[in-house]
N, C-alpha and C. Protein backbone atom coordinates (compact mmCIF):
# COMPACT_ATOMS: atom_id res chain seq x y z
N MET A 1 0.88 -0.97 0.06
CA MET A 1 0.02 -0.10 0.01
C MET A 1 1.09 1.10 -0.11
N LEU A 2 0.46 2.37 -0.74
CA LEU A 2 1.29 3.63 -0.72
C LEU A 2 1.23 4.25 0.72
N ASP A 3 2.35 4.85 1.14
CA ASP A 3 2.33 5.32 2.20
C ASP A 3 2.35 6.89 2.35
N ARG A 4 2.04 7.44 1.24
CA ARG A 4 2.16 8.96 1.13
C ARG A 4 0.77 9.26 0.62
N PRO A 5 0.52 10.46 0.97
CA PRO A 5 -0.79 11.52 0.68
C PRO A 5 -1.09 11.35 -0.72
N SER A 6 -2.66 11.13 -1.10
CA SER A 6 -3.06 11.42 -2.40
C SER A 6 -3.34 12.87 -2.70
N LEU A 7 -2.64 13.11 -3.84
CA LEU A 7 -2.73 14.11 -4.51
C LEU A 7 -3.14 14.31 -5.75
N PRO A 8 -3.49 15.06 -6.54
CA PRO A 8 -4.15 14.90 -7.53
C PRO A 8 -3.04 14.01 -9.06
N HIS A 9 -3.53 13.87 -10.20
CA HIS A 9 -2.67 13.24 -11.26
C HIS A 9 -1.89 14.25 -11.86
N THR A 10 -2.51 15.36 -12.19
CA THR A 10 -1.63 16.57 -12.81
C THR A 10 -0.13 16.89 -12.15
N ALA A 11 -0.11 16.56 -10.73
CA ALA A 11 1.09 16.86 -10.21
C ALA A 11 2.02 15.83 -10.74
N LEU A 12 1.77 14.82 -10.90
CA LEU A 12 2.59 13.45 -11.51
C LEU A 12 2.98 14.03 -13.07
N THR A 13 2.05 14.38 -13.69
CA THR A 13 2.78 14.84 -15.07
C THR A 13 3.63 16.30 -15.21
N ALA A 14 3.15 17.11 -14.09
CA ALA A 14 4.10 18.00 -14.17
C ALA A 14 5.54 17.98 -13.71
N GLY A 15 5.79 16.77 -12.83
CA GLY A 15 6.92 16.40 -12.58
C GLY A 15 7.33 16.98 -11.40
N LEU A 16 6.41 17.50 -10.20
CA LEU A 16 6.51 18.15 -9.20
C LEU A 16 7.12 17.16 -8.13
N PRO A 17 8.00 17.58 -7.00
CA PRO A 17 8.36 16.81 -6.04
C PRO A 17 7.30 16.51 -5.22
N TYR A 18 7.78 15.40 -4.23
CA TYR A 18 6.74 15.27 -2.99
C TYR A 18 6.45 16.28 -2.37
N PRO A 19 5.18 16.45 -1.92
CA PRO A 19 4.32 15.64 -1.92
C PRO A 19 3.45 15.45 -3.14
N PHE A 20 4.03 16.16 -4.24
CA PHE A 20 3.29 16.57 -5.51
C PHE A 20 3.57 15.57 -6.80
N GLU A 21 4.09 14.21 -6.12
CA GLU A 21 4.29 13.48 -7.39
C GLU A 21 3.59 12.26 -8.11
N GLY A 22 1.93 13.00 -7.32
CA GLY A 22 0.97 11.86 -7.94
C GLY A 22 0.60 10.57 -7.25
N VAL A 23 0.60 10.59 -5.86
CA VAL A 23 0.51 9.06 -5.67
C VAL A 23 -0.77 8.53 -5.70
N ARG A 24 -1.60 9.56 -6.12
CA ARG A 24 -3.02 9.02 -6.48
C ARG A 24 -2.94 8.15 -7.56
N HIS A 25 -1.95 8.34 -8.42
CA HIS A 25 -1.98 7.85 -9.91
C HIS A 25 -1.62 6.21 -9.67
N LEU A 26 -2.47 5.59 -10.37
CA LEU A 26 -2.64 3.94 -10.39
C LEU A 26 -1.54 3.17 -10.76
N ASP A 27 -0.99 3.76 -11.85
CA ASP A 27 0.03 2.63 -12.67
C ASP A 27 1.00 2.04 -12.08
N ARG A 28 1.35 2.44 -10.76
CA ARG A 28 2.39 1.60 -10.01
C ARG A 28 2.11 0.72 -9.41
N TRP A 29 0.67 0.53 -9.38
CA TRP A 29 -0.13 -0.86 -8.68
C TRP A 29 -0.40 -1.64 -9.57
N VAL A 30 -1.26 -1.30 -10.63
CA VAL A 30 -1.87 -1.85 -11.52
C VAL A 30 -1.10 -2.81 -12.31
N SER A 31 0.18 -2.61 -12.46
CA SER A 31 1.14 -3.20 -13.61
C SER A 31 1.82 -4.68 -12.36
N SER A 32 1.62 -4.35 -11.22
CA SER A 32 2.23 -5.63 -10.55
C SER A 32 1.25 -6.79 -9.89
N ASP A 33 1.39 -7.93 -10.40
CA ASP A 33 0.93 -8.84 -10.16
C ASP A 33 0.70 -9.27 -8.87
N SER A 34 2.02 -9.08 -8.05
CA SER A 34 1.91 -9.39 -6.80
C SER A 34 0.91 -8.64 -5.77
N VAL A 35 0.59 -7.49 -6.09
CA VAL A 35 -0.32 -6.76 -5.17
C VAL A 35 -1.76 -7.23 -5.29
N GLY A 36 -2.18 -7.65 -4.11
CA GLY A 36 -3.52 -8.38 -3.79
C GLY A 36 -4.70 -7.57 -4.07
N ALA A 37 -5.80 -8.27 -4.25
CA ALA A 37 -7.28 -7.44 -4.68
C ALA A 37 -7.43 -6.41 -3.52
N ARG A 38 -7.19 -6.60 -2.31
CA ARG A 38 -7.67 -5.84 -1.36
C ARG A 38 -7.14 -4.48 -1.39
N ASP A 39 -5.57 -4.62 -1.96
CA ASP A 39 -5.01 -3.46 -1.95
C ASP A 39 -5.48 -2.53 -3.36
N ARG A 40 -5.81 -3.43 -4.21
CA ARG A 40 -6.26 -2.56 -5.32
C ARG A 40 -7.84 -2.31 -5.10
N ILE A 41 -8.65 -2.62 -4.38
CA ILE A 41 -9.79 -2.10 -3.77
C ILE A 41 -9.66 -0.79 -3.11
N VAL A 42 -8.55 -0.83 -1.89
CA VAL A 42 -8.27 0.40 -1.46
C VAL A 42 -7.95 1.52 -1.97
N GLU A 43 -6.93 1.24 -3.01
CA GLU A 43 -6.38 2.39 -3.74
C GLU A 43 -7.35 3.14 -4.90
N THR A 44 -8.28 2.05 -5.28
CA THR A 44 -9.39 2.50 -6.18
C THR A 44 -10.39 3.41 -5.83
N ALA A 45 -10.64 2.94 -4.35
CA ALA A 45 -11.55 3.71 -3.55
C ALA A 45 -10.79 5.08 -3.13
N TYR A 46 -9.75 5.10 -2.55
CA TYR A 46 -9.29 5.80 -2.45
C TYR A 46 -9.15 7.17 -3.20
N ASP A 47 -8.93 6.85 -4.41
CA ASP A 47 -8.81 7.75 -5.39
C ASP A 47 -9.91 8.42 -6.03
N LEU A 48 -10.88 7.31 -5.98
CA LEU A 48 -12.45 7.92 -6.45
C LEU A 48 -13.02 8.58 -5.36
N PHE A 49 -13.02 8.10 -4.08
CA PHE A 49 -13.53 8.82 -2.97
C PHE A 49 -12.93 10.39 -2.96
N SER A 50 -11.80 10.27 -3.02
CA SER A 50 -10.90 11.79 -2.81
C SER A 50 -11.45 12.64 -3.86
N ARG A 51 -11.62 11.93 -5.05
CA ARG A 51 -11.73 13.18 -6.25
C ARG A 51 -13.29 13.62 -6.37
N HIS A 52 -14.27 12.62 -6.03
CA HIS A 52 -15.67 12.34 -6.52
C HIS A 52 -16.61 12.58 -5.21
N GLY A 53 -16.22 12.20 -4.09
CA GLY A 53 -16.96 11.93 -2.92
C GLY A 53 -17.51 10.72 -2.48
N VAL A 54 -18.09 10.50 -1.81
CA VAL A 54 -18.72 9.09 -1.47
C VAL A 54 -19.93 8.57 -2.07
N ARG A 55 -20.84 9.62 -2.23
CA ARG A 55 -22.28 8.98 -2.92
C ARG A 55 -22.12 9.07 -4.08
N ALA A 56 -21.39 9.87 -5.03
CA ALA A 56 -21.35 9.57 -6.42
C ALA A 56 -20.60 8.45 -6.57
N VAL A 57 -19.83 7.75 -6.07
CA VAL A 57 -18.95 6.48 -6.52
C VAL A 57 -19.56 5.42 -5.62
N GLY A 58 -20.20 4.50 -6.88
CA GLY A 58 -20.91 3.21 -6.60
C GLY A 58 -19.84 1.97 -6.30
N VAL A 59 -20.35 0.91 -5.63
CA VAL A 59 -19.52 -0.28 -5.81
C VAL A 59 -19.03 -0.87 -7.17
N ASP A 60 -19.98 -0.85 -8.04
CA ASP A 60 -19.89 -0.97 -9.16
C ASP A 60 -18.92 -0.53 -10.13
N ARG A 61 -18.63 0.85 -9.96
CA ARG A 61 -17.51 1.50 -10.37
C ARG A 61 -16.09 1.21 -9.80
N ILE A 62 -16.05 0.88 -8.60
CA ILE A 62 -14.80 0.52 -7.75
C ILE A 62 -14.42 -0.83 -7.97
N VAL A 63 -15.35 -1.60 -8.33
CA VAL A 63 -15.23 -2.93 -8.80
C VAL A 63 -14.51 -3.20 -10.29
N ALA A 64 -15.18 -2.30 -10.98
CA ALA A 64 -14.86 -2.05 -12.41
C ALA A 64 -13.47 -1.53 -12.58
N GLU A 65 -13.20 -0.49 -11.91
CA GLU A 65 -11.87 0.26 -12.18
C GLU A 65 -10.67 -0.52 -11.35
N SER A 66 -10.86 -1.13 -10.12
CA SER A 66 -10.18 -1.95 -9.56
C SER A 66 -9.81 -3.31 -10.27
N GLY A 67 -10.53 -3.75 -11.05
CA GLY A 67 -10.43 -4.85 -11.76
C GLY A 67 -10.74 -6.17 -10.94
N VAL A 68 -11.20 -5.92 -9.65
CA VAL A 68 -11.58 -7.33 -8.92
C VAL A 68 -12.92 -7.51 -9.16
N ALA A 69 -13.55 -9.10 -8.46
CA ALA A 69 -14.73 -9.34 -8.71
C ALA A 69 -15.35 -8.44 -7.67
N LYS A 70 -16.84 -8.43 -7.64
CA LYS A 70 -17.72 -8.20 -6.40
C LYS A 70 -17.45 -8.89 -5.41
N MET A 71 -17.65 -10.17 -5.51
CA MET A 71 -17.42 -10.80 -4.48
C MET A 71 -16.27 -10.81 -3.42
N SER A 72 -15.23 -10.57 -4.47
CA SER A 72 -13.82 -10.26 -3.67
C SER A 72 -13.89 -8.89 -2.77
N LEU A 73 -14.65 -8.08 -3.33
CA LEU A 73 -14.68 -6.78 -2.86
C LEU A 73 -15.30 -7.03 -1.57
N TYR A 74 -16.73 -7.72 -1.56
CA TYR A 74 -17.61 -7.98 -0.18
C TYR A 74 -16.71 -8.96 0.86
N ARG A 75 -15.72 -9.82 0.22
CA ARG A 75 -15.07 -10.77 1.10
C ARG A 75 -14.07 -9.89 2.08
N HIS A 76 -13.61 -8.49 1.58
CA HIS A 76 -12.90 -7.45 2.39
C HIS A 76 -13.60 -6.70 3.22
N PHE A 77 -14.51 -6.15 2.44
CA PHE A 77 -15.50 -5.06 2.98
C PHE A 77 -16.87 -5.59 3.04
N ALA A 78 -17.33 -5.80 4.22
CA ALA A 78 -18.70 -6.17 4.11
C ALA A 78 -19.68 -5.08 3.92
N SER A 79 -19.72 -4.07 3.47
CA SER A 79 -20.45 -3.05 2.84
C SER A 79 -19.87 -1.94 2.45
N LYS A 80 -20.45 -1.02 1.54
CA LYS A 80 -19.73 0.32 1.27
C LYS A 80 -19.25 1.19 2.55
N ASP A 81 -20.15 1.02 3.27
CA ASP A 81 -19.85 1.79 4.72
C ASP A 81 -18.39 1.44 5.20
N ASP A 82 -18.25 0.35 5.18
CA ASP A 82 -16.99 -0.26 5.73
C ASP A 82 -15.63 0.28 4.79
N LEU A 83 -15.86 0.03 3.62
CA LEU A 83 -14.84 0.78 2.54
C LEU A 83 -14.73 2.00 2.80
N VAL A 84 -15.73 3.06 3.31
CA VAL A 84 -15.93 4.39 3.16
C VAL A 84 -14.75 4.69 4.86
N LEU A 85 -15.07 3.73 5.82
CA LEU A 85 -14.60 3.89 7.05
C LEU A 85 -13.13 3.53 6.84
N ASN A 86 -12.47 2.70 5.95
CA ASN A 86 -11.17 2.40 5.79
C ASN A 86 -10.67 3.72 4.98
N PHE A 87 -11.48 4.25 3.98
CA PHE A 87 -10.72 5.49 3.10
C PHE A 87 -10.41 6.57 4.08
N LEU A 88 -11.42 6.79 5.21
CA LEU A 88 -11.49 7.99 5.95
C LEU A 88 -9.95 7.33 6.94
N GLN A 89 -9.64 6.56 7.43
CA GLN A 89 -8.81 5.85 8.24
C GLN A 89 -7.28 6.11 7.29
N GLU A 90 -7.42 5.72 5.97
CA GLU A 90 -6.40 5.93 4.85
C GLU A 90 -6.10 7.41 4.79
N ARG A 91 -7.12 8.36 4.78
CA ARG A 91 -6.72 9.70 4.43
C ARG A 91 -6.16 10.38 5.79
N GLU A 92 -6.64 9.92 6.84
CA GLU A 92 -5.67 10.50 8.04
C GLU A 92 -4.43 10.08 8.19
N HIS A 93 -4.08 9.10 7.79
CA HIS A 93 -2.83 8.31 7.80
C HIS A 93 -2.31 8.90 6.77
N ARG A 94 -2.42 9.44 5.29
CA ARG A 94 -1.85 9.94 4.18
C ARG A 94 -1.86 11.22 4.08
N TRP A 95 -3.08 11.68 4.63
CA TRP A 95 -3.00 13.55 4.20
C TRP A 95 -2.72 13.99 5.58
N THR A 96 -3.71 13.52 6.80
CA THR A 96 -3.28 14.55 7.77
C THR A 96 -1.98 14.46 8.44
N ASN A 97 -1.33 12.99 8.76
CA ASN A 97 -0.18 12.64 9.19
C ASN A 97 1.19 12.65 8.63
N GLU A 98 0.88 11.95 7.44
CA GLU A 98 2.10 11.71 6.60
C GLU A 98 2.35 12.87 5.67
N TRP A 99 1.32 14.01 5.35
CA TRP A 99 1.55 14.88 4.63
C TRP A 99 1.48 16.23 5.47
N LEU A 100 0.35 16.60 5.90
CA LEU A 100 0.26 17.83 6.54
C LEU A 100 0.92 18.10 7.65
N ARG A 101 0.87 17.16 8.59
CA ARG A 101 1.58 17.07 10.01
C ARG A 101 3.01 17.19 9.61
N ALA A 102 3.49 16.35 8.80
CA ALA A 102 4.98 16.02 8.62
C ALA A 102 5.58 17.42 8.03
N GLU A 103 4.77 17.88 7.00
CA GLU A 103 5.29 18.93 6.10
C GLU A 103 5.17 20.38 7.24
N ALA A 104 4.14 20.38 8.07
CA ALA A 104 4.26 21.76 8.98
C ALA A 104 5.35 21.35 9.85
N GLU A 105 5.77 20.27 10.62
CA GLU A 105 6.74 20.24 11.39
C GLU A 105 8.10 20.41 10.75
N ASP A 106 8.35 20.01 9.34
CA ASP A 106 9.47 20.10 8.79
C ASP A 106 10.02 21.71 8.74
N ARG A 107 8.81 22.45 8.25
CA ARG A 107 9.03 23.63 7.68
C ARG A 107 8.83 24.82 8.75
N GLY A 108 9.06 24.70 10.26
CA GLY A 108 8.66 25.29 11.31
C GLY A 108 9.50 25.12 12.30
N ASP A 109 10.44 26.30 12.78
CA ASP A 109 11.38 25.80 13.95
C ASP A 109 10.34 26.01 15.23
N THR A 110 9.67 26.67 15.31
CA THR A 110 8.94 26.71 16.59
C THR A 110 7.36 26.43 16.46
N ALA A 111 6.62 26.28 17.30
CA ALA A 111 5.16 25.73 17.20
C ALA A 111 4.48 26.77 16.48
N ALA A 112 4.46 27.77 16.70
CA ALA A 112 3.78 28.77 16.09
C ALA A 112 4.34 29.01 14.69
N ALA A 113 5.55 28.86 14.25
CA ALA A 113 5.96 28.78 13.13
C ALA A 113 5.11 27.48 12.25
N ARG A 114 5.04 26.65 12.74
CA ARG A 114 4.58 25.09 12.39
C ARG A 114 3.22 25.36 12.16
N MET A 115 2.63 26.20 12.82
CA MET A 115 1.27 26.49 12.65
C MET A 115 0.63 27.32 11.56
N LEU A 116 1.75 28.48 11.25
CA LEU A 116 1.68 29.20 10.26
C LEU A 116 2.25 28.56 8.87
N ALA A 117 2.92 27.37 9.11
CA ALA A 117 3.35 27.01 8.10
C ALA A 117 2.16 26.04 7.22
N ILE A 118 1.39 25.59 8.20
CA ILE A 118 0.14 24.93 7.26
C ILE A 118 -0.47 25.39 6.43
N PHE A 119 -0.60 26.95 6.14
CA PHE A 119 -0.94 27.76 5.30
C PHE A 119 -0.05 27.64 4.26
N ASP A 120 1.16 27.61 4.37
CA ASP A 120 2.35 27.30 3.12
C ASP A 120 2.04 26.36 2.46
N VAL A 121 1.86 25.23 3.24
CA VAL A 121 1.49 23.73 2.69
C VAL A 121 0.01 24.02 1.95
N PHE A 122 -0.85 24.38 2.79
CA PHE A 122 -2.08 24.70 1.80
C PHE A 122 -2.11 25.51 0.53
N GLY A 123 -1.34 26.42 0.50
CA GLY A 123 -1.31 27.08 -0.94
C GLY A 123 -0.61 26.44 -1.72
N GLU A 124 0.54 25.49 -1.34
CA GLU A 124 1.02 24.78 -2.51
C GLU A 124 -0.11 23.98 -3.06
N TRP A 125 -0.71 23.24 -2.35
CA TRP A 125 -2.08 22.37 -2.51
C TRP A 125 -2.99 22.96 -3.25
N PHE A 126 -3.50 23.98 -2.76
CA PHE A 126 -4.55 24.76 -3.60
C PHE A 126 -4.17 25.05 -5.08
N ALA A 127 -2.96 25.32 -5.16
CA ALA A 127 -2.72 25.75 -6.61
C ALA A 127 -2.39 24.55 -7.70
N ILE A 128 -2.96 23.22 -7.41
CA ILE A 128 -2.94 22.15 -8.26
C ILE A 128 -4.11 22.15 -8.89
N ALA A 129 -4.22 22.03 -10.15
CA ALA A 129 -5.47 22.34 -11.20
C ALA A 129 -6.28 21.47 -10.75
N ASP A 130 -6.32 20.16 -10.06
CA ASP A 130 -7.70 19.43 -9.98
C ASP A 130 -7.49 19.22 -8.24
N PHE A 131 -7.13 20.28 -7.53
CA PHE A 131 -7.23 20.21 -6.27
C PHE A 131 -8.88 19.77 -5.53
N GLU A 132 -8.60 18.50 -4.75
CA GLU A 132 -10.07 17.98 -4.66
C GLU A 132 -10.89 18.77 -3.33
N GLY A 133 -10.21 19.28 -2.60
CA GLY A 133 -10.80 19.86 -1.12
C GLY A 133 -10.66 18.75 -0.35
N CYS A 134 -10.96 18.90 1.10
CA CYS A 134 -10.86 18.29 2.11
C CYS A 134 -11.95 16.97 2.22
N SER A 135 -11.64 16.00 2.03
CA SER A 135 -12.31 14.90 2.07
C SER A 135 -13.35 14.71 3.39
N PHE A 136 -12.55 15.09 4.37
CA PHE A 136 -13.46 15.11 5.62
C PHE A 136 -14.53 15.89 5.78
N ILE A 137 -14.18 17.15 5.31
CA ILE A 137 -15.55 17.99 5.35
C ILE A 137 -16.51 17.80 4.25
N ASN A 138 -16.28 17.03 2.89
CA ASN A 138 -16.70 16.44 1.77
C ASN A 138 -17.48 15.21 2.35
N VAL A 139 -17.18 14.63 2.97
CA VAL A 139 -17.77 13.35 3.48
C VAL A 139 -18.80 13.92 4.75
N LEU A 140 -18.45 14.68 5.73
CA LEU A 140 -19.22 14.92 6.77
C LEU A 140 -20.71 15.84 6.19
N LEU A 141 -20.58 16.61 4.78
CA LEU A 141 -21.83 17.03 4.17
C LEU A 141 -22.53 16.03 3.43
N GLU A 142 -21.95 15.04 2.95
CA GLU A 142 -22.74 13.97 2.33
C GLU A 142 -23.63 13.61 3.44
N PHE A 143 -23.18 13.32 4.72
CA PHE A 143 -24.13 12.33 5.59
C PHE A 143 -24.68 12.95 6.82
N ASP A 144 -26.08 13.77 6.77
CA ASP A 144 -26.69 14.40 7.50
C ASP A 144 -27.07 13.57 8.69
N ASP A 145 -27.24 12.51 8.53
CA ASP A 145 -27.83 11.76 10.07
C ASP A 145 -26.60 11.62 10.92
N ARG A 146 -26.56 12.36 12.04
CA ARG A 146 -25.49 12.26 13.02
C ARG A 146 -25.38 11.07 13.79
N GLU A 147 -26.32 10.05 13.69
CA GLU A 147 -25.99 8.79 14.21
C GLU A 147 -25.19 7.94 13.26
N ASN A 148 -25.11 8.01 11.96
CA ASN A 148 -24.55 7.43 11.14
C ASN A 148 -22.67 7.26 11.37
N ARG A 149 -22.44 6.22 11.11
CA ARG A 149 -21.00 5.64 11.85
C ARG A 149 -20.07 6.67 10.80
N VAL A 150 -20.54 6.48 9.48
CA VAL A 150 -19.53 7.16 8.64
C VAL A 150 -19.34 8.65 9.09
N ARG A 151 -20.46 9.32 9.45
CA ARG A 151 -20.58 10.81 9.85
C ARG A 151 -19.86 10.95 11.12
N GLN A 152 -19.89 9.87 12.14
CA GLN A 152 -19.42 10.07 13.46
C GLN A 152 -17.76 9.69 13.17
N ALA A 153 -17.32 8.56 12.23
CA ALA A 153 -15.79 8.68 12.17
C ALA A 153 -15.39 9.78 11.50
N THR A 154 -15.96 10.28 10.53
CA THR A 154 -15.57 12.03 9.87
C THR A 154 -15.19 13.03 10.91
N VAL A 155 -16.14 13.04 11.83
CA VAL A 155 -16.05 14.33 12.98
C VAL A 155 -14.96 13.76 13.82
N GLU A 156 -14.60 12.45 14.01
CA GLU A 156 -13.62 11.99 15.07
C GLU A 156 -12.46 12.21 13.99
N HIS A 157 -12.17 12.10 13.00
CA HIS A 157 -10.76 12.52 12.15
C HIS A 157 -10.81 14.09 12.18
N LEU A 158 -11.78 14.73 11.94
CA LEU A 158 -11.51 16.21 12.17
C LEU A 158 -11.30 16.61 13.46
N ARG A 159 -11.63 15.68 14.61
CA ARG A 159 -11.42 16.08 16.17
C ARG A 159 -9.71 15.78 15.83
N ASN A 160 -9.20 14.87 15.49
CA ASN A 160 -7.74 14.47 15.59
C ASN A 160 -7.05 15.53 14.81
N ILE A 161 -7.35 16.21 13.98
CA ILE A 161 -6.72 17.30 13.34
C ILE A 161 -6.69 18.48 14.41
N ARG A 162 -7.51 18.75 15.11
CA ARG A 162 -7.73 19.55 15.90
C ARG A 162 -6.77 19.22 17.02
N SER A 163 -6.55 18.29 17.42
CA SER A 163 -5.99 17.74 18.82
C SER A 163 -4.42 18.02 18.22
N PHE A 164 -3.93 17.90 16.99
CA PHE A 164 -2.57 18.09 16.79
C PHE A 164 -2.64 19.82 16.72
N LEU A 165 -3.74 20.39 16.43
CA LEU A 165 -3.34 22.07 16.49
C LEU A 165 -3.32 22.59 18.22
N ARG A 166 -4.41 22.10 19.17
CA ARG A 166 -4.17 22.06 20.49
C ARG A 166 -2.66 21.67 20.94
N GLU A 167 -2.00 20.65 20.53
CA GLU A 167 -0.61 20.15 20.75
C GLU A 167 0.23 21.57 20.46
N LEU A 168 0.03 21.83 19.25
CA LEU A 168 1.02 23.25 18.88
C LEU A 168 0.61 24.48 19.38
N ALA A 169 -0.53 24.65 19.73
CA ALA A 169 -0.99 25.76 20.38
C ALA A 169 -0.29 25.74 21.95
N ALA A 170 -0.45 24.88 22.35
CA ALA A 170 -0.13 24.48 23.91
C ALA A 170 1.47 24.86 24.00
N GLU A 171 1.97 24.09 23.02
CA GLU A 171 3.53 24.54 23.00
C GLU A 171 4.01 25.98 22.53
N ALA A 172 3.01 26.68 21.84
CA ALA A 172 3.63 27.91 21.48
C ALA A 172 3.07 28.78 22.65
N GLY A 173 2.38 28.56 23.94
CA GLY A 173 2.49 29.02 24.94
C GLY A 173 0.98 29.80 24.93
N ALA A 174 0.06 29.40 24.32
CA ALA A 174 -1.13 30.03 24.19
C ALA A 174 -1.69 29.92 25.57
N ARG A 175 -2.68 31.19 25.84
CA ARG A 175 -3.42 31.56 26.86
C ARG A 175 -4.56 30.23 26.97
N ASP A 176 -5.22 29.96 25.81
CA ASP A 176 -6.25 29.18 25.62
C ASP A 176 -5.86 28.03 24.60
N PRO A 177 -4.99 26.89 25.00
CA PRO A 177 -4.93 26.04 23.73
C PRO A 177 -6.18 25.65 22.79
N ASP A 178 -7.02 25.31 23.68
CA ASP A 178 -8.26 24.63 23.13
C ASP A 178 -8.93 25.60 22.27
N ALA A 179 -9.14 26.84 22.88
CA ALA A 179 -9.97 28.03 21.83
C ALA A 179 -9.04 28.09 20.67
N LEU A 180 -7.94 28.24 20.71
CA LEU A 180 -6.94 28.45 19.57
C LEU A 180 -7.05 27.37 18.78
N ALA A 181 -6.89 26.46 19.01
CA ALA A 181 -6.99 25.29 18.22
C ALA A 181 -8.47 24.96 17.55
N HIS A 182 -9.50 25.39 18.10
CA HIS A 182 -10.66 25.62 17.43
C HIS A 182 -10.58 26.71 16.48
N GLN A 183 -9.95 27.59 16.70
CA GLN A 183 -10.24 28.92 15.89
C GLN A 183 -9.47 28.56 14.84
N TRP A 184 -8.25 27.87 14.70
CA TRP A 184 -7.24 27.53 13.55
C TRP A 184 -7.90 26.73 12.99
N HIS A 185 -8.60 25.79 13.46
CA HIS A 185 -9.24 24.85 12.55
C HIS A 185 -10.37 25.22 11.70
N ILE A 186 -11.01 26.17 12.35
CA ILE A 186 -11.94 26.95 11.39
C ILE A 186 -11.24 27.49 10.34
N LEU A 187 -10.21 28.10 10.70
CA LEU A 187 -9.66 28.87 9.72
C LEU A 187 -9.11 28.15 8.58
N MET A 188 -8.66 27.06 8.91
CA MET A 188 -8.29 26.02 7.94
C MET A 188 -9.33 25.52 6.87
N LYS A 189 -10.38 25.26 7.76
CA LYS A 189 -11.41 24.70 6.56
C LYS A 189 -11.99 25.73 6.07
N GLY A 190 -12.11 27.14 6.80
CA GLY A 190 -12.52 28.03 5.88
C GLY A 190 -11.72 28.53 4.45
N SER A 191 -10.45 28.42 4.50
CA SER A 191 -9.46 28.51 3.65
C SER A 191 -9.67 27.45 2.52
N ILE A 192 -9.88 26.26 2.90
CA ILE A 192 -10.24 25.23 1.97
C ILE A 192 -11.09 25.22 1.18
N VAL A 193 -12.59 25.87 1.79
CA VAL A 193 -13.57 26.13 0.98
C VAL A 193 -13.40 27.18 -0.02
N ALA A 194 -12.92 28.33 0.50
CA ALA A 194 -12.58 29.62 -0.26
C ALA A 194 -11.68 29.11 -1.57
N ALA A 195 -10.73 28.19 -1.22
CA ALA A 195 -10.09 27.70 -2.38
C ALA A 195 -10.76 26.83 -3.30
N GLY A 196 -11.88 26.15 -3.01
CA GLY A 196 -12.64 25.51 -3.73
C GLY A 196 -13.38 26.20 -4.53
N GLU A 197 -13.79 27.67 -4.23
CA GLU A 197 -14.39 28.87 -4.61
C GLU A 197 -13.72 29.51 -6.06
N GLY A 198 -12.14 29.06 -5.70
CA GLY A 198 -11.38 29.74 -6.74
C GLY A 198 -10.38 30.91 -6.23
N ASP A 199 -10.43 30.78 -5.06
CA ASP A 199 -10.12 32.38 -4.25
C ASP A 199 -8.55 31.92 -4.51
N LEU A 200 -7.60 32.38 -5.36
CA LEU A 200 -6.16 32.05 -5.44
C LEU A 200 -5.51 32.30 -4.15
N LEU A 201 -5.70 33.35 -3.33
CA LEU A 201 -5.16 33.72 -2.30
C LEU A 201 -5.63 33.05 -0.70
N ALA A 202 -6.52 32.22 -1.18
CA ALA A 202 -6.92 31.64 0.36
C ALA A 202 -6.30 31.43 1.49
N ALA A 203 -4.92 30.49 0.97
CA ALA A 203 -4.01 30.32 2.19
C ALA A 203 -3.21 31.56 2.50
N GLN A 204 -3.02 32.36 1.86
CA GLN A 204 -2.31 33.68 2.33
C GLN A 204 -3.25 34.43 3.08
N ARG A 205 -4.64 34.62 2.80
CA ARG A 205 -5.29 35.17 3.72
C ARG A 205 -5.80 34.57 5.12
N GLY A 206 -5.56 33.14 4.80
CA GLY A 206 -5.90 32.48 6.05
C GLY A 206 -4.47 32.40 7.11
N GLN A 207 -3.43 32.62 6.60
CA GLN A 207 -2.37 33.03 7.53
C GLN A 207 -2.22 34.17 7.93
N GLU A 208 -2.64 35.32 7.19
CA GLU A 208 -2.56 36.64 7.71
C GLU A 208 -3.58 36.42 9.11
N ILE A 209 -4.70 35.69 8.82
CA ILE A 209 -5.63 35.84 10.03
C ILE A 209 -5.38 35.21 11.17
N GLY A 210 -4.52 34.30 10.77
CA GLY A 210 -3.38 33.36 11.69
C GLY A 210 -2.69 33.97 12.46
N ARG A 211 -1.89 35.08 11.89
CA ARG A 211 -1.04 35.96 12.66
C ARG A 211 -1.86 37.03 13.67
N LEU A 212 -3.03 37.06 13.59
CA LEU A 212 -3.96 37.68 14.30
C LEU A 212 -4.38 37.31 15.65
N LEU A 213 -4.74 35.70 15.11
CA LEU A 213 -5.23 35.02 16.33
C LEU A 213 -3.90 34.58 17.29
N LEU A 214 -2.77 34.60 16.74
CA LEU A 214 -1.51 34.41 17.36
C LEU A 214 -1.25 35.33 18.29
N ALA A 215 -1.35 36.78 17.97
CA ALA A 215 -1.22 37.73 18.65
C ALA A 215 -2.14 37.95 19.61
N ASP A 216 -3.33 37.72 19.39
CA ASP A 216 -4.24 38.04 20.34
C ASP A 216 -4.34 37.05 21.44
N GLN A 217 -3.75 35.91 21.18
CA GLN A 217 -2.91 34.77 22.32
C GLN A 217 -1.73 35.45 22.88
N GLY A 218 -1.02 36.48 22.84
CA GLY A 218 0.36 36.50 23.34
C GLY A 218 1.17 36.10 22.74
N ILE A 219 1.25 35.25 21.70
CA ILE A 219 2.28 34.46 20.84
C ILE A 219 3.00 35.35 19.56
N ALA A 220 4.31 35.55 19.81
CA ALA A 220 4.96 36.12 18.66
C ALA A 220 5.22 35.12 17.78
N ALA A 221 4.94 35.64 16.36
CA ALA A 221 5.02 34.85 15.18
C ALA A 221 6.23 35.46 14.34
């Protein structure tokens, strides 16, 4: 299985460095007979759910594009919801931890700098031609039943991002780390939506507001 985050196919053709090297491109595993059916299902679902959302992608399409039998898919995943839950776990691993968190930590010497670096990372992500948006936000909006286990899992994955932000806020010396983490998360989600609208400066604007939030908490940026 791939261990880097999913980013659009255009990044591969543009020859950009990691994390923009097209890890969502499937040729790397389609050509290998050694890769199992489960991996092909997982990678295909990850690609399709990332780009098109969950509701718009049916099991038949995943079966067709992965090249596995439907019986094989249901052998590994009892229902589509189970496959979606696996996708969300993969998204947290690849997008939240292996990409966003790792990039922010690499780019900032202090906790405050790492918080601000999130928007530098976002700026590069937003600039990709087929920027797909936040899968957690997208899936959350697709499931309005608060008792649905997919929606609950999505809420949990978003909470995990906020926990990372709270760690940074506490390390930076925020007077109220929890409040700053919530504010920062709202700012991140808002910038993602703005980028989806076509705002080319969404990340820059988010970072500017972030500096104000840090100053309000008595943190030098």
